[in-house]
Amino acid sequence: MDRQHGWDDRLARDAMAVLGDLALWEMAPPRWANVARILDRLDSALTAGDPVALREAVTDLEIAGPVRLTLIGARPVTGVSQPILELRNALVHRLTPDSPTAPTPEDDSADRQAR
C-alpha cells in the first residue's frame, strides 16, 4: 500500500478481505445497489489517495454485507451481478501488491525525489 497517503498494510488487508467475501454474498437487489455505491466510493478514495475515505468505504462495505436473518416476505436474494463483480475485480487488482497499477515503495520514493 502507498504509505505516502497514510495507507498501511492492515487497511489493504481489510479491503482485500471484504472484497474477497463480497464475491460470495447473496442479498436482495436494493442491498446490492448500496454495495455498488460503496464500491464507487472505494474506487474514488483509491484514485484520490485518501486513506480516511478508503477506511470509511471499507467499513461501510463490511457493514453492508448480508444479514443472517431473513424476514418473512422479504425480497429474494441474488448473487453478485456482473457489473459489481467487475468493479470488485478491478479494485482487487489495484490493491494487489504485484499489480502494475498498485502503489509501490518505489513510487513513494520517486514522488519524494521529484519534490
PDB file of N, CA and C in Angstrom:
ATOM      1  N   MET A   1       0.849  -1.184   0.000  1.00  0.00           N
ATOM      2  CA  MET A   1       0.000   0.000   0.000  1.00  0.00           C
ATOM      3  C   MET A   1       0.887   1.237   0.000  1.00  0.00           C
ATOM      4  N   ASP A   2       0.380   2.292  -0.414  1.00  0.00           N
ATOM      5  CA  ASP A   2       1.125   3.541  -0.549  1.00  0.00           C
ATOM      6  C   ASP A   2       1.135   4.275   0.786  1.00  0.00           C
ATOM      7  N   ARG A   3       2.233   4.163   1.494  1.00  0.00           N
ATOM      8  CA  ARG A   3       2.313   4.765   2.824  1.00  0.00           C
ATOM      9  C   ARG A   3       2.384   6.286   2.780  1.00  0.00           C
ATOM     10  N   GLN A   4       2.721   6.823   1.624  1.00  0.00           N
ATOM     11  CA  GLN A   4       2.754   8.270   1.478  1.00  0.00           C
ATOM     12  C   GLN A   4       1.376   8.855   1.772  1.00  0.00           C
ATOM     13  N   HIS A   5       0.344   8.167   1.405  1.00  0.00           N
ATOM     14  CA  HIS A   5      -1.012   8.648   1.602  1.00  0.00           C
ATOM     15  C   HIS A   5      -1.595   8.191   2.933  1.00  0.00           C
ATOM     16  N   GLY A   6      -0.791   7.579   3.791  1.00  0.00           N
ATOM     17  CA  GLY A   6      -1.271   7.162   5.092  1.00  0.00           C
ATOM     18  C   GLY A   6      -1.910   5.782   5.092  1.00  0.00           C
ATOM     19  N   TRP A   7      -1.811   5.062   3.971  1.00  0.00           N
ATOM     20  CA  TRP A   7      -2.351   3.713   3.928  1.00  0.00           C
ATOM     21  C   TRP A   7      -1.358   2.783   4.578  1.00  0.00           C
ATOM     22  N   ASP A   8      -1.852   1.739   5.175  1.00  0.00           N
ATOM     23  CA  ASP A   8      -0.956   0.761   5.769  1.00  0.00           C
ATOM     24  C   ASP A   8      -1.384  -0.635   5.339  1.00  0.00           C
ATOM     25  N   ASP A   9      -0.586  -1.617   5.731  1.00  0.00           N
ATOM     26  CA  ASP A   9      -0.862  -2.996   5.340  1.00  0.00           C
ATOM     27  C   ASP A   9      -2.192  -3.485   5.903  1.00  0.00           C
ATOM     28  N   ARG A  10      -2.546  -3.052   7.092  1.00  0.00           N
ATOM     29  CA  ARG A  10      -3.804  -3.501   7.693  1.00  0.00           C
ATOM     30  C   ARG A  10      -5.001  -3.016   6.876  1.00  0.00           C
ATOM     31  N   LEU A  11      -4.974  -1.776   6.447  1.00  0.00           N
ATOM     32  CA  LEU A  11      -6.063  -1.240   5.632  1.00  0.00           C
ATOM     33  C   LEU A  11      -6.165  -2.024   4.329  1.00  0.00           C
ATOM     34  N   ALA A  12      -5.048  -2.333   3.720  1.00  0.00           N
ATOM     35  CA  ALA A  12      -5.051  -3.121   2.483  1.00  0.00           C
ATOM     36  C   ALA A  12      -5.618  -4.514   2.743  1.00  0.00           C
ATOM     37  N   ARG A  13      -5.207  -5.149   3.829  1.00  0.00           N
ATOM     38  CA  ARG A  13      -5.722  -6.488   4.169  1.00  0.00           C
ATOM     39  C   ARG A  13      -7.223  -6.449   4.437  1.00  0.00           C
ATOM     40  N   ASP A  14      -7.683  -5.437   5.169  1.00  0.00           N
ATOM     41  CA  ASP A  14      -9.111  -5.307   5.456  1.00  0.00           C
ATOM     42  C   ASP A  14      -9.912  -5.148   4.160  1.00  0.00           C
ATOM     43  N   ALA A  15      -9.414  -4.300   3.263  1.00  0.00           N
ATOM     44  CA  ALA A  15     -10.101  -4.086   1.990  1.00  0.00           C
ATOM     45  C   ALA A  15     -10.131  -5.376   1.174  1.00  0.00           C
ATOM     46  N   MET A  16      -9.009  -6.070   1.093  1.00  0.00           N
ATOM     47  CA  MET A  16      -8.950  -7.307   0.326  1.00  0.00           C
ATOM     48  C   MET A  16      -9.860  -8.379   0.932  1.00  0.00           C
ATOM     49  N   ALA A  17      -9.935  -8.437   2.252  1.00  0.00           N
ATOM     50  CA  ALA A  17     -10.782  -9.444   2.904  1.00  0.00           C
ATOM     51  C   ALA A  17     -12.255  -9.230   2.577  1.00  0.00           C
ATOM     52  N   VAL A  18     -12.718  -8.005   2.717  1.00  0.00           N
ATOM     53  CA  VAL A  18     -14.144  -7.749   2.457  1.00  0.00           C
ATOM     54  C   VAL A  18     -14.450  -7.871   0.964  1.00  0.00           C
ATOM     55  N   LEU A  19     -13.527  -7.485   0.107  1.00  0.00           N
ATOM     56  CA  LEU A  19     -13.738  -7.651  -1.329  1.00  0.00           C
ATOM     57  C   LEU A  19     -13.758  -9.141  -1.703  1.00  0.00           C
ATOM     58  N   GLY A  20     -12.961  -9.941  -1.022  1.00  0.00           N
ATOM     59  CA  GLY A  20     -12.982 -11.384  -1.249  1.00  0.00           C
ATOM     60  C   GLY A  20     -14.310 -11.996  -0.833  1.00  0.00           C
ATOM     61  N   ASP A  21     -14.813 -11.568   0.305  1.00  0.00           N
ATOM     62  CA  ASP A  21     -16.095 -12.078   0.796  1.00  0.00           C
ATOM     63  C   ASP A  21     -17.242 -11.668  -0.118  1.00  0.00           C
ATOM     64  N   LEU A  22     -17.176 -10.472  -0.652  1.00  0.00           N
ATOM     65  CA  LEU A  22     -18.254  -9.920  -1.470  1.00  0.00           C
ATOM     66  C   LEU A  22     -18.640 -10.847  -2.616  1.00  0.00           C
ATOM     67  N   ALA A  23     -17.687 -11.523  -3.204  1.00  0.00           N
ATOM     68  CA  ALA A  23     -17.968 -12.404  -4.339  1.00  0.00           C
ATOM     69  C   ALA A  23     -18.904 -13.553  -3.959  1.00  0.00           C
ATOM     70  N   LEU A  24     -19.011 -13.843  -2.675  1.00  0.00           N
ATOM     71  CA  LEU A  24     -19.839 -14.952  -2.207  1.00  0.00           C
ATOM     72  C   LEU A  24     -21.170 -14.513  -1.615  1.00  0.00           C
ATOM     73  N   TRP A  25     -21.364 -13.215  -1.481  1.00  0.00           N
ATOM     74  CA  TRP A  25     -22.578 -12.708  -0.839  1.00  0.00           C
ATOM     75  C   TRP A  25     -23.817 -12.986  -1.681  1.00  0.00           C
ATOM     76  N   GLU A  26     -24.936 -13.162  -0.984  1.00  0.00           N
ATOM     77  CA  GLU A  26     -26.257 -13.240  -1.608  1.00  0.00           C
ATOM     78  C   GLU A  26     -27.158 -12.304  -0.832  1.00  0.00           C
ATOM     79  N   MET A  27     -27.755 -11.350  -1.560  1.00  0.00           N
ATOM     80  CA  MET A  27     -28.588 -10.327  -0.919  1.00  0.00           C
ATOM     81  C   MET A  27     -29.705  -9.906  -1.867  1.00  0.00           C
ATOM     82  N   ALA A  28     -30.651  -9.148  -1.328  1.00  0.00           N
ATOM     83  CA  ALA A  28     -31.724  -8.572  -2.140  1.00  0.00           C
ATOM     84  C   ALA A  28     -31.152  -7.453  -3.017  1.00  0.00           C
ATOM     85  N   PRO A  29     -31.754  -7.219  -4.174  1.00  0.00           N
ATOM     86  CA  PRO A  29     -31.253  -6.186  -5.097  1.00  0.00           C
ATOM     87  C   PRO A  29     -31.021  -4.804  -4.483  1.00  0.00           C
ATOM     88  N   PRO A  30     -31.887  -4.298  -3.598  1.00  0.00           N
ATOM     89  CA  PRO A  30     -31.595  -2.971  -3.031  1.00  0.00           C
ATOM     90  C   PRO A  30     -30.286  -2.941  -2.226  1.00  0.00           C
ATOM     91  N   ARG A  31     -29.963  -4.031  -1.592  1.00  0.00           N
ATOM     92  CA  ARG A  31     -28.699  -4.088  -0.846  1.00  0.00           C
ATOM     93  C   ARG A  31     -27.515  -4.096  -1.801  1.00  0.00           C
ATOM     94  N   TRP A  32     -27.669  -4.741  -2.954  1.00  0.00           N
ATOM     95  CA  TRP A  32     -26.599  -4.736  -3.952  1.00  0.00           C
ATOM     96  C   TRP A  32     -26.389  -3.332  -4.514  1.00  0.00           C
ATOM     97  N   ALA A  33     -27.461  -2.582  -4.660  1.00  0.00           N
ATOM     98  CA  ALA A  33     -27.325  -1.196  -5.144  1.00  0.00           C
ATOM     99  C   ALA A  33     -26.493  -0.380  -4.157  1.00  0.00           C
ATOM    100  N   ASN A  34     -26.698  -0.605  -2.882  1.00  0.00           N
ATOM    101  CA  ASN A  34     -25.905   0.085  -1.860  1.00  0.00           C
ATOM    102  C   ASN A  34     -24.437  -0.339  -1.953  1.00  0.00           C
ATOM    103  N   VAL A  35     -24.191  -1.622  -2.160  1.00  0.00           N
ATOM    104  CA  VAL A  35     -22.812  -2.110  -2.309  1.00  0.00           C
ATOM    105  C   VAL A  35     -22.145  -1.446  -3.507  1.00  0.00           C
ATOM    106  N   ALA A  36     -22.865  -1.297  -4.607  1.00  0.00           N
ATOM    107  CA  ALA A  36     -22.298  -0.651  -5.800  1.00  0.00           C
ATOM    108  C   ALA A  36     -21.880   0.784  -5.489  1.00  0.00           C
ATOM    109  N   ARG A  37     -22.707   1.503  -4.742  1.00  0.00           N
ATOM    110  CA  ARG A  37     -22.359   2.885  -4.369  1.00  0.00           C
ATOM    111  C   ARG A  37     -21.100   2.909  -3.487  1.00  0.00           C
ATOM    112  N   ILE A  38     -21.006   1.963  -2.573  1.00  0.00           N
ATOM    113  CA  ILE A  38     -19.832   1.915  -1.689  1.00  0.00           C
ATOM    114  C   ILE A  38     -18.576   1.569  -2.492  1.00  0.00           C
ATOM    115  N   LEU A  39     -18.687   0.652  -3.433  1.00  0.00           N
ATOM    116  CA  LEU A  39     -17.532   0.315  -4.272  1.00  0.00           C
ATOM    117  C   LEU A  39     -17.074   1.517  -5.086  1.00  0.00           C
ATOM    118  N   ASP A  40     -18.020   2.318  -5.553  1.00  0.00           N
ATOM    119  CA  ASP A  40     -17.653   3.549  -6.269  1.00  0.00           C
ATOM    120  C   ASP A  40     -16.884   4.497  -5.346  1.00  0.00           C
ATOM    121  N   ARG A  41     -17.320   4.606  -4.090  1.00  0.00           N
ATOM    122  CA  ARG A  41     -16.608   5.448  -3.118  1.00  0.00           C
ATOM    123  C   ARG A  41     -15.212   4.895  -2.854  1.00  0.00           C
ATOM    124  N   LEU A  42     -15.105   3.581  -2.748  1.00  0.00           N
ATOM    125  CA  LEU A  42     -13.804   2.955  -2.509  1.00  0.00           C
ATOM    126  C   LEU A  42     -12.867   3.240  -3.685  1.00  0.00           C
ATOM    127  N   ASP A  43     -13.394   3.120  -4.884  1.00  0.00           N
ATOM    128  CA  ASP A  43     -12.609   3.413  -6.092  1.00  0.00           C
ATOM    129  C   ASP A  43     -12.154   4.869  -6.101  1.00  0.00           C
ATOM    130  N   SER A  44     -13.057   5.772  -5.768  1.00  0.00           N
ATOM    131  CA  SER A  44     -12.702   7.203  -5.727  1.00  0.00           C
ATOM    132  C   SER A  44     -11.644   7.483  -4.671  1.00  0.00           C
ATOM    133  N   ALA A  45     -11.753   6.831  -3.515  1.00  0.00           N
ATOM    134  CA  ALA A  45     -10.774   7.026  -2.444  1.00  0.00           C
ATOM    135  C   ALA A  45      -9.395   6.536  -2.875  1.00  0.00           C
ATOM    136  N   LEU A  46      -9.348   5.399  -3.577  1.00  0.00           N
ATOM    137  CA  LEU A  46      -8.068   4.899  -4.086  1.00  0.00           C
ATOM    138  C   LEU A  46      -7.470   5.879  -5.093  1.00  0.00           C
ATOM    139  N   THR A  47      -8.298   6.359  -5.990  1.00  0.00           N
ATOM    140  CA  THR A  47      -7.837   7.293  -7.021  1.00  0.00           C
ATOM    141  C   THR A  47      -7.320   8.585  -6.403  1.00  0.00           C
ATOM    142  N   ALA A  48      -8.034   9.071  -5.389  1.00  0.00           N
ATOM    143  CA  ALA A  48      -7.650  10.335  -4.741  1.00  0.00           C
ATOM    144  C   ALA A  48      -6.511  10.165  -3.744  1.00  0.00           C
ATOM    145  N   GLY A  49      -6.190   8.916  -3.384  1.00  0.00           N
ATOM    146  CA  GLY A  49      -5.155   8.696  -2.371  1.00  0.00           C
ATOM    147  C   GLY A  49      -5.606   9.148  -1.000  1.00  0.00           C
ATOM    148  N   ASP A  50      -6.871   8.962  -0.693  1.00  0.00           N
ATOM    149  CA  ASP A  50      -7.461   9.440   0.563  1.00  0.00           C
ATOM    150  C   ASP A  50      -7.664   8.265   1.524  1.00  0.00           C
ATOM    151  N   PRO A  51      -6.750   8.094   2.501  1.00  0.00           N
ATOM    152  CA  PRO A  51      -6.852   6.945   3.407  1.00  0.00           C
ATOM    153  C   PRO A  51      -8.074   7.000   4.320  1.00  0.00           C
ATOM    154  N   VAL A  52      -8.518   8.189   4.677  1.00  0.00           N
ATOM    155  CA  VAL A  52      -9.699   8.304   5.544  1.00  0.00           C
ATOM    156  C   VAL A  52     -10.942   7.837   4.788  1.00  0.00           C
ATOM    157  N   ALA A  53     -11.107   8.319   3.574  1.00  0.00           N
ATOM    158  CA  ALA A  53     -12.250   7.899   2.761  1.00  0.00           C
ATOM    159  C   ALA A  53     -12.177   6.410   2.432  1.00  0.00           C
ATOM    160  N   LEU A  54     -10.966   5.906   2.221  1.00  0.00           N
ATOM    161  CA  LEU A  54     -10.798   4.487   1.939  1.00  0.00           C
ATOM    162  C   LEU A  54     -11.225   3.653   3.144  1.00  0.00           C
ATOM    163  N   ARG A  55     -10.782   4.046   4.341  1.00  0.00           N
ATOM    164  CA  ARG A  55     -11.163   3.323   5.558  1.00  0.00           C
ATOM    165  C   ARG A  55     -12.677   3.372   5.758  1.00  0.00           C
ATOM    166  N   GLU A  56     -13.282   4.537   5.533  1.00  0.00           N
ATOM    167  CA  GLU A  56     -14.736   4.662   5.690  1.00  0.00           C
ATOM    168  C   GLU A  56     -15.472   3.760   4.700  1.00  0.00           C
ATOM    169  N   ALA A  57     -15.015   3.703   3.467  1.00  0.00           N
ATOM    170  CA  ALA A  57     -15.665   2.864   2.461  1.00  0.00           C
ATOM    171  C   ALA A  57     -15.515   1.385   2.806  1.00  0.00           C
ATOM    172  N   VAL A  58     -14.341   0.988   3.268  1.00  0.00           N
ATOM    173  CA  VAL A  58     -14.132  -0.414   3.660  1.00  0.00           C
ATOM    174  C   VAL A  58     -15.043  -0.778   4.824  1.00  0.00           C
ATOM    175  N   THR A  59     -15.130   0.101   5.819  1.00  0.00           N
ATOM    176  CA  THR A  59     -16.001  -0.141   6.970  1.00  0.00           C
ATOM    177  C   THR A  59     -17.460  -0.223   6.532  1.00  0.00           C
ATOM    178  N   ASP A  60     -17.890   0.697   5.684  1.00  0.00           N
ATOM    179  CA  ASP A  60     -19.269   0.677   5.199  1.00  0.00           C
ATOM    180  C   ASP A  60     -19.560  -0.591   4.400  1.00  0.00           C
ATOM    181  N   LEU A  61     -18.581  -1.056   3.631  1.00  0.00           N
ATOM    182  CA  LEU A  61     -18.758  -2.280   2.860  1.00  0.00           C
ATOM    183  C   LEU A  61     -18.893  -3.489   3.787  1.00  0.00           C
ATOM    184  N   GLU A  62     -18.103  -3.510   4.848  1.00  0.00           N
ATOM    185  CA  GLU A  62     -18.210  -4.605   5.810  1.00  0.00           C
ATOM    186  C   GLU A  62     -19.612  -4.642   6.428  1.00  0.00           C
ATOM    187  N   ILE A  63     -20.157  -3.484   6.735  1.00  0.00           N
ATOM    188  CA  ILE A  63     -21.480  -3.391   7.352  1.00  0.00           C
ATOM    189  C   ILE A  63     -22.584  -3.709   6.342  1.00  0.00           C
ATOM    190  N   ALA A  64     -22.356  -3.426   5.071  1.00  0.00           N
ATOM    191  CA  ALA A  64     -23.381  -3.602   4.038  1.00  0.00           C
ATOM    192  C   ALA A  64     -23.593  -5.054   3.638  1.00  0.00           C
ATOM    193  N   GLY A  65     -22.759  -5.953   4.128  1.00  0.00           N
ATOM    194  CA  GLY A  65     -22.866  -7.349   3.759  1.00  0.00           C
ATOM    195  C   GLY A  65     -24.188  -7.969   4.151  1.00  0.00           C
ATOM    196  N   PRO A  66     -24.377  -9.210   3.745  1.00  0.00           N
ATOM    197  CA  PRO A  66     -25.650  -9.885   4.013  1.00  0.00           C
ATOM    198  C   PRO A  66     -25.896 -10.083   5.509  1.00  0.00           C
ATOM    199  N   VAL A  67     -27.171 -10.127   5.845  1.00  0.00           N
ATOM    200  CA  VAL A  67     -27.571 -10.405   7.219  1.00  0.00           C
ATOM    201  C   VAL A  67     -28.034 -11.852   7.292  1.00  0.00           C
ATOM    202  N   ARG A  68     -27.930 -12.437   8.452  1.00  0.00           N
ATOM    203  CA  ARG A  68     -28.305 -13.845   8.603  1.00  0.00           C
ATOM    204  C   ARG A  68     -29.813 -14.031   8.716  1.00  0.00           C
ATOM    205  N   LEU A  69     -30.495 -13.032   9.189  1.00  0.00           N
ATOM    206  CA  LEU A  69     -31.928 -13.117   9.413  1.00  0.00           C
ATOM    207  C   LEU A  69     -32.673 -12.725   8.150  1.00  0.00           C
ATOM    208  N   THR A  70     -33.594 -13.563   7.717  1.00  0.00           N
ATOM    209  CA  THR A  70     -34.425 -13.248   6.572  1.00  0.00           C
ATOM    210  C   THR A  70     -35.857 -13.077   7.053  1.00  0.00           C
ATOM    211  N   LEU A  71     -36.423 -11.930   6.777  1.00  0.00           N
ATOM    212  CA  LEU A  71     -37.782 -11.646   7.204  1.00  0.00           C
ATOM    213  C   LEU A  71     -38.794 -12.354   6.311  1.00  0.00           C
ATOM    214  N   ILE A  72     -39.921 -12.714   6.871  1.00  0.00           N
ATOM    215  CA  ILE A  72     -40.997 -13.308   6.085  1.00  0.00           C
ATOM    216  C   ILE A  72     -41.457 -12.275   5.068  1.00  0.00           C
ATOM    217  N   GLY A  73     -41.578 -12.693   3.828  1.00  0.00           N
ATOM    218  CA  GLY A  73     -41.994 -11.784   2.772  1.00  0.00           C
ATOM    219  C   GLY A  73     -40.875 -10.938   2.215  1.00  0.00           C
ATOM    220  N   ALA A  74     -39.646 -11.194   2.638  1.00  0.00           N
ATOM    221  CA  ALA A  74     -38.504 -10.419   2.150  1.00  0.00           C
ATOM    222  C   ALA A  74     -38.271 -10.717   0.674  1.00  0.00           C
ATOM    223  N   ARG A  75     -37.647  -9.771  -0.004  1.00  0.00           N
ATOM    224  CA  ARG A  75     -37.314  -9.962  -1.421  1.00  0.00           C
ATOM    225  C   ARG A  75     -36.344 -11.138  -1.563  1.00  0.00           C
ATOM    226  N   PRO A  76     -36.433 -11.840  -2.680  1.00  0.00           N
ATOM    227  CA  PRO A  76     -35.496 -12.948  -2.903  1.00  0.00           C
ATOM    228  C   PRO A  76     -34.061 -12.426  -3.021  1.00  0.00           C
ATOM    229  N   VAL A  77     -33.144 -13.263  -2.620  1.00  0.00           N
ATOM    230  CA  VAL A  77     -31.740 -12.866  -2.675  1.00  0.00           C
ATOM    231  C   VAL A  77     -31.122 -13.317  -3.985  1.00  0.00           C
ATOM    232  N   THR A  78     -30.093 -12.576  -4.391  1.00  0.00           N
ATOM    233  CA  THR A  78     -29.337 -12.917  -5.600  1.00  0.00           C
ATOM    234  C   THR A  78     -27.857 -12.810  -5.286  1.00  0.00           C
ATOM    235  N   GLY A  79     -27.063 -13.423  -6.132  1.00  0.00           N
ATOM    236  CA  GLY A  79     -25.620 -13.277  -6.013  1.00  0.00           C
ATOM    237  C   GLY A  79     -25.185 -11.961  -6.647  1.00  0.00           C
ATOM    238  N   VAL A  80     -23.902 -11.757  -6.641  1.00  0.00           N
ATOM    239  CA  VAL A  80     -23.334 -10.511  -7.166  1.00  0.00           C
ATOM    240  C   VAL A  80     -23.571 -10.418  -8.675  1.00  0.00           C
ATOM    241  N   SER A  81     -23.956  -9.230  -9.140  1.00  0.00           N
ATOM    242  CA  SER A  81     -24.171  -9.010 -10.571  1.00  0.00           C
ATOM    243  C   SER A  81     -22.825  -8.841 -11.279  1.00  0.00           C
ATOM    244  N   GLN A  82     -22.838  -9.003 -12.587  1.00  0.00           N
ATOM    245  CA  GLN A  82     -21.604  -8.893 -13.365  1.00  0.00           C
ATOM    246  C   GLN A  82     -20.956  -7.511 -13.246  1.00  0.00           C
ATOM    247  N   PRO A  83     -21.710  -6.398 -13.338  1.00  0.00           N
ATOM    248  CA  PRO A  83     -21.048  -5.078 -13.207  1.00  0.00           C
ATOM    249  C   PRO A  83     -20.396  -4.880 -11.833  1.00  0.00           C
ATOM    250  N   ILE A  84     -21.058  -5.326 -10.784  1.00  0.00           N
ATOM    251  CA  ILE A  84     -20.477  -5.189  -9.445  1.00  0.00           C
ATOM    252  C   ILE A  84     -19.258  -6.085  -9.314  1.00  0.00           C
ATOM    253  N   LEU A  85     -19.339  -7.295  -9.852  1.00  0.00           N
ATOM    254  CA  LEU A  85     -18.202  -8.211  -9.803  1.00  0.00           C
ATOM    255  C   LEU A  85     -17.010  -7.644 -10.569  1.00  0.00           C
ATOM    256  N   GLU A  86     -17.259  -7.011 -11.705  1.00  0.00           N
ATOM    257  CA  GLU A  86     -16.165  -6.427 -12.477  1.00  0.00           C
ATOM    258  C   GLU A  86     -15.499  -5.275 -11.726  1.00  0.00           C
ATOM    259  N   LEU A  87     -16.301  -4.435 -11.068  1.00  0.00           N
ATOM    260  CA  LEU A  87     -15.732  -3.345 -10.271  1.00  0.00           C
ATOM    261  C   LEU A  87     -14.948  -3.916  -9.097  1.00  0.00           C
ATOM    262  N   ARG A  88     -15.501  -4.923  -8.450  1.00  0.00           N
ATOM    263  CA  ARG A  88     -14.803  -5.591  -7.343  1.00  0.00           C
ATOM    264  C   ARG A  88     -13.458  -6.149  -7.825  1.00  0.00           C
ATOM    265  N   ASN A  89     -13.453  -6.806  -8.978  1.00  0.00           N
ATOM    266  CA  ASN A  89     -12.218  -7.383  -9.511  1.00  0.00           C
ATOM    267  C   ASN A  89     -11.189  -6.302  -9.827  1.00  0.00           C
ATOM    268  N   ALA A  90     -11.649  -5.179 -10.374  1.00  0.00           N
ATOM    269  CA  ALA A  90     -10.737  -4.068 -10.670  1.00  0.00           C
ATOM    270  C   ALA A  90     -10.125  -3.517  -9.381  1.00  0.00           C
ATOM    271  N   LEU A  91     -10.923  -3.413  -8.337  1.00  0.00           N
ATOM    272  CA  LEU A  91     -10.414  -2.917  -7.048  1.00  0.00           C
ATOM    273  C   LEU A  91      -9.407  -3.890  -6.450  1.00  0.00           C
ATOM    274  N   VAL A  92      -9.703  -5.181  -6.521  1.00  0.00           N
ATOM    275  CA  VAL A  92      -8.752  -6.184  -6.022  1.00  0.00           C
ATOM    276  C   VAL A  92      -7.443  -6.066  -6.785  1.00  0.00           C
ATOM    277  N   HIS A  93      -7.536  -5.905  -8.088  1.00  0.00           N
ATOM    278  CA  HIS A  93      -6.332  -5.762  -8.916  1.00  0.00           C
ATOM    279  C   HIS A  93      -5.511  -4.544  -8.487  1.00  0.00           C
ATOM    280  N   ARG A  94      -6.193  -3.438  -8.241  1.00  0.00           N
ATOM    281  CA  ARG A  94      -5.491  -2.211  -7.820  1.00  0.00           C
ATOM    282  C   ARG A  94      -4.852  -2.357  -6.448  1.00  0.00           C
ATOM    283  N   LEU A  95      -5.441  -3.174  -5.585  1.00  0.00           N
ATOM    284  CA  LEU A  95      -4.928  -3.341  -4.223  1.00  0.00           C
ATOM    285  C   LEU A  95      -3.878  -4.442  -4.105  1.00  0.00           C
ATOM    286  N   THR A  96      -3.710  -5.232  -5.154  1.00  0.00           N
ATOM    287  CA  THR A  96      -2.757  -6.343  -5.125  1.00  0.00           C
ATOM    288  C   THR A  96      -1.347  -5.807  -5.311  1.00  0.00           C
ATOM    289  N   PRO A  97      -0.442  -6.131  -4.368  1.00  0.00           N
ATOM    290  CA  PRO A  97       0.914  -5.567  -4.431  1.00  0.00           C
ATOM    291  C   PRO A  97       1.660  -5.850  -5.731  1.00  0.00           C
ATOM    292  N   ASP A  98       1.411  -6.996  -6.374  1.00  0.00           N
ATOM    293  CA  ASP A  98       2.123  -7.337  -7.602  1.00  0.00           C
ATOM    294  C   ASP A  98       1.512  -6.704  -8.836  1.00  0.00           C
ATOM    295  N   SER A  99       0.421  -5.987  -8.654  1.00  0.00           N
ATOM    296  CA  SER A  99      -0.269  -5.362  -9.778  1.00  0.00           C
ATOM    297  C   SER A  99       0.544  -4.178 -10.296  1.00  0.00           C
ATOM    298  N   PRO A 100       0.618  -4.017 -11.628  1.00  0.00           N
ATOM    299  CA  PRO A 100       1.338  -2.858 -12.162  1.00  0.00           C
ATOM    300  C   PRO A 100       0.675  -1.529 -11.800  1.00  0.00           C
ATOM    301  N   THR A 101      -0.613  -1.552 -11.418  1.00  0.00           N
ATOM    302  CA  THR A 101      -1.286  -0.311 -11.053  1.00  0.00           C
ATOM    303  C   THR A 101      -1.304  -0.086  -9.548  1.00  0.00           C
ATOM    304  N   ALA A 102      -0.777  -1.040  -8.772  1.00  0.00           N
ATOM    305  CA  ALA A 102      -0.748  -0.882  -7.318  1.00  0.00           C
ATOM    306  C   ALA A 102       0.379   0.060  -6.925  1.00  0.00           C
ATOM    307  N   PRO A 103       0.164   0.889  -5.924  1.00  0.00           N
ATOM    308  CA  PRO A 103       1.236   1.754  -5.438  1.00  0.00           C
ATOM    309  C   PRO A 103       2.382   0.909  -4.888  1.00  0.00           C
ATOM    310  N   THR A 104       3.599   1.342  -5.118  1.00  0.00           N
ATOM    311  CA  THR A 104       4.763   0.607  -4.632  1.00  0.00           C
ATOM    312  C   THR A 104       5.661   1.539  -3.840  1.00  0.00           C
ATOM    313  N   PRO A 105       6.557   0.951  -3.026  1.00  0.00           N
ATOM    314  CA  PRO A 105       7.510   1.799  -2.311  1.00  0.00           C
ATOM    315  C   PRO A 105       8.365   2.635  -3.256  1.00  0.00           C
ATOM    316  N   GLU A 106       8.665   2.103  -4.459  1.00  0.00           N
ATOM    317  CA  GLU A 106       9.456   2.866  -5.422  1.00  0.00           C
ATOM    318  C   GLU A 106       8.701   4.121  -5.856  1.00  0.00           C
ATOM    319  N   ASP A 107       7.365   3.980  -6.058  1.00  0.00           N
ATOM    320  CA  ASP A 107       6.560   5.145  -6.421  1.00  0.00           C
ATOM    321  C   ASP A 107       6.662   6.205  -5.337  1.00  0.00           C
ATOM    322  N   ASP A 108       6.627   5.772  -4.099  1.00  0.00           N
ATOM    323  CA  ASP A 108       6.683   6.679  -2.951  1.00  0.00           C
ATOM    324  C   ASP A 108       8.012   7.436  -2.944  1.00  0.00           C
ATOM    325  N   SER A 109       9.123   6.716  -3.142  1.00  0.00           N
ATOM    326  CA  SER A 109      10.420   7.384  -3.102  1.00  0.00           C
ATOM    327  C   SER A 109      10.602   8.287  -4.328  1.00  0.00           C
ATOM    328  N   ALA A 110      10.064   7.892  -5.483  1.00  0.00           N
ATOM    329  CA  ALA A 110      10.165   8.722  -6.687  1.00  0.00           C
ATOM    330  C   ALA A 110       9.396  10.029  -6.500  1.00  0.00           C
ATOM    331  N   ASP A 111       8.234   9.926  -5.835  1.00  0.00           N
ATOM    332  CA  ASP A 111       7.457  11.142  -5.563  1.00  0.00           C
ATOM    333  C   ASP A 111       8.241  12.087  -4.661  1.00  0.00           C
ATOM    334  N   ARG A 112       8.917  11.543  -3.677  1.00  0.00           N
ATOM    335  CA  ARG A 112       9.685  12.392  -2.761  1.00  0.00           C
ATOM    336  C   ARG A 112      10.860  13.051  -3.493  1.00  0.00           C
ATOM    337  N   GLN A 113      11.515  12.300  -4.393  1.00  0.00           N
ATOM    338  CA  GLN A 113      12.659  12.850  -5.113  1.00  0.00           C
ATOM    339  C   GLN A 113      12.225  13.948  -6.076  1.00  0.00           C
ATOM    340  N   ALA A 114      10.999  13.855  -6.588  1.00  0.00           N
ATOM    341  CA  ALA A 114      10.507  14.845  -7.539  1.00  0.00           C
ATOM    342  C   ALA A 114      10.192  16.177  -6.855  1.00  0.00           C
ATOM    343  N   ARG A 115      10.058  16.147  -5.555  1.00  0.00           N
ATOM    344  CA  ARG A 115       9.694  17.382  -4.825  1.00  0.00           C
ATOM    345  C   ARG A 115      10.867  18.230  -4.584  1.00  0.00           C
TER     346      ARG A 115
END
